[in-house]
Protein backbone atom coordinates (compact mmCIF):
# COMPACT_ATOMS: atom_id res chain seq x y z
CA UNK A 1 113.49 88.12 96.39
CA UNK A 2 116.50 86.84 98.31
CA UNK A 3 115.65 86.09 101.93
CA UNK A 4 118.02 85.21 104.78
CA UNK A 5 117.01 83.80 108.16
CA UNK A 6 118.24 85.91 111.11
CA UNK A 7 116.59 83.79 113.79
CA UNK A 8 113.78 81.25 113.95
CA UNK A 9 110.87 82.79 112.03
CA UNK A 10 112.70 86.11 111.50
CA UNK A 11 113.85 86.87 107.96
CA UNK A 12 115.56 89.75 106.21
CA UNK A 13 115.57 90.82 102.57
CA UNK A 14 116.28 93.73 100.31
CA UNK A 15 113.52 95.96 98.94
CA UNK A 16 110.19 94.20 98.57
CA UNK A 17 107.48 95.03 96.10
CA UNK A 18 103.76 94.27 96.11
CA UNK A 19 104.27 90.93 94.34
CA UNK A 20 106.83 89.96 97.01
CA UNK A 21 104.28 90.67 99.73
CA UNK A 22 101.80 88.40 97.99
CA UNK A 23 104.43 85.65 97.85
CA UNK A 24 105.33 86.20 101.51
CA UNK A 25 101.65 85.86 102.44
CA UNK A 26 101.46 82.53 100.63
CA UNK A 27 104.48 81.41 102.65
CA UNK A 28 102.80 82.32 105.94
CA UNK A 29 104.50 85.61 106.83
CA UNK A 30 102.39 87.37 109.50
CA UNK A 31 104.33 90.66 109.87
CA UNK A 32 106.55 92.86 107.73
CA UNK A 33 108.80 95.69 108.93
CA UNK A 34 110.19 98.28 106.51
CA UNK A 35 113.39 100.00 107.71
CA UNK A 36 113.73 102.09 104.56
CA UNK A 37 112.67 105.77 104.45
CA UNK A 38 110.36 106.66 101.58
CA UNK A 39 112.07 108.51 98.72
CA UNK A 40 115.49 106.98 99.25
CA UNK A 41 115.77 106.01 95.57
CA UNK A 42 113.91 106.30 92.28
CA UNK A 43 111.51 103.45 91.63
CA UNK A 44 111.18 102.61 95.31
CA UNK A 45 107.56 101.82 96.22
CA UNK A 46 105.93 103.95 98.89
CA UNK A 47 105.62 102.32 102.26
CA UNK A 48 101.91 103.24 102.40
CA UNK A 49 101.29 101.31 99.16
CA UNK A 50 103.12 98.27 100.50
CA UNK A 51 101.22 98.54 103.78
CA UNK A 52 97.91 98.58 101.91
CA UNK A 53 98.80 95.38 100.06
CA UNK A 54 99.99 93.71 103.27
CA UNK A 55 96.86 94.67 105.18
CA UNK A 56 94.64 93.35 102.37
CA UNK A 57 96.40 90.00 102.83
CA UNK A 58 96.08 90.00 106.62
CA UNK A 59 99.73 90.88 107.27
CA UNK A 60 100.72 93.47 109.87
CA UNK A 61 102.97 96.11 108.27
CA UNK A 62 105.21 98.47 110.24
CA UNK A 63 107.20 101.30 108.69
CA UNK A 64 110.18 101.98 110.96
CA UNK A 65 112.57 104.01 108.76
CA UNK A 66 116.21 104.21 109.79
CA UNK A 67 119.00 106.29 108.25
CA UNK A 68 121.91 103.83 107.87
CA UNK A 69 124.46 106.61 108.41
CA UNK A 70 123.11 107.63 111.79
CA UNK A 71 121.50 104.73 113.65
CA UNK A 72 120.65 105.97 117.12
CA UNK A 73 120.13 104.11 120.38
CA UNK A 74 116.46 105.10 120.14
CA UNK A 75 116.26 103.51 116.65
CA UNK A 76 117.66 100.27 118.04
CA UNK A 77 115.32 100.29 121.04
CA UNK A 78 112.26 100.89 118.81
CA UNK A 79 113.41 98.15 116.46
CA UNK A 80 113.92 95.67 119.32
CA UNK A 81 110.50 96.47 120.78
CA UNK A 82 108.84 96.04 117.39
CA UNK A 83 110.59 92.71 116.82
CA UNK A 84 109.35 91.49 120.20
CA UNK A 85 105.77 92.60 119.55
CA UNK A 86 105.24 91.66 115.88
CA UNK A 87 103.71 88.29 115.14
CA UNK A 88 106.02 85.79 113.47
CA UNK A 89 107.02 84.75 110.90
CA UNK A 90 108.44 88.27 110.53
CA UNK A 91 110.03 89.67 107.37
CA UNK A 92 112.24 92.75 107.82
CA UNK A 93 113.54 94.69 104.82
CA UNK A 94 115.47 97.73 103.63
CA UNK A 95 117.29 98.53 100.38
CA UNK A 96 119.71 95.59 100.44
CA UNK A 97 118.99 93.89 103.76
CA UNK A 98 122.24 95.14 105.33
CA UNK A 99 120.69 97.92 107.41
CA UNK A 100 117.98 95.62 108.77
CA UNK A 101 120.58 92.96 109.56
CA UNK A 102 122.70 95.54 111.38
CA UNK A 103 119.64 96.71 113.33
CA UNK A 104 118.94 93.09 114.34
CA UNK A 105 122.52 92.63 115.52
CA UNK A 106 122.46 95.88 117.54
CA UNK A 107 119.08 94.97 119.05
CA UNK A 108 120.38 91.55 120.09
CA UNK A 109 123.10 93.25 122.15
CA UNK A 110 120.73 95.32 124.32
């Protein structure tokens, strides 16, 4: 899993799987946000399955799906609010990390 730091204790990555969540837990991640809608691609794990793994490891998991072709002001506001409220270290992911990075940048400007 390739992870980039967006801000202190805020990280972004592409699609995570259950084994990535276990690794993130070992590294102290306290919250994970999924910006990817379920069913976007074949082989993509369901958000509910990832949430179950995260919760078993004591990690807060939030599914906040965003369509990258039509990011709304409401999407950005919800994202910003979630980022403020989720315990850090925070890992945010989508398919490649680009959508989550864009959401972070848009949220920083409001």
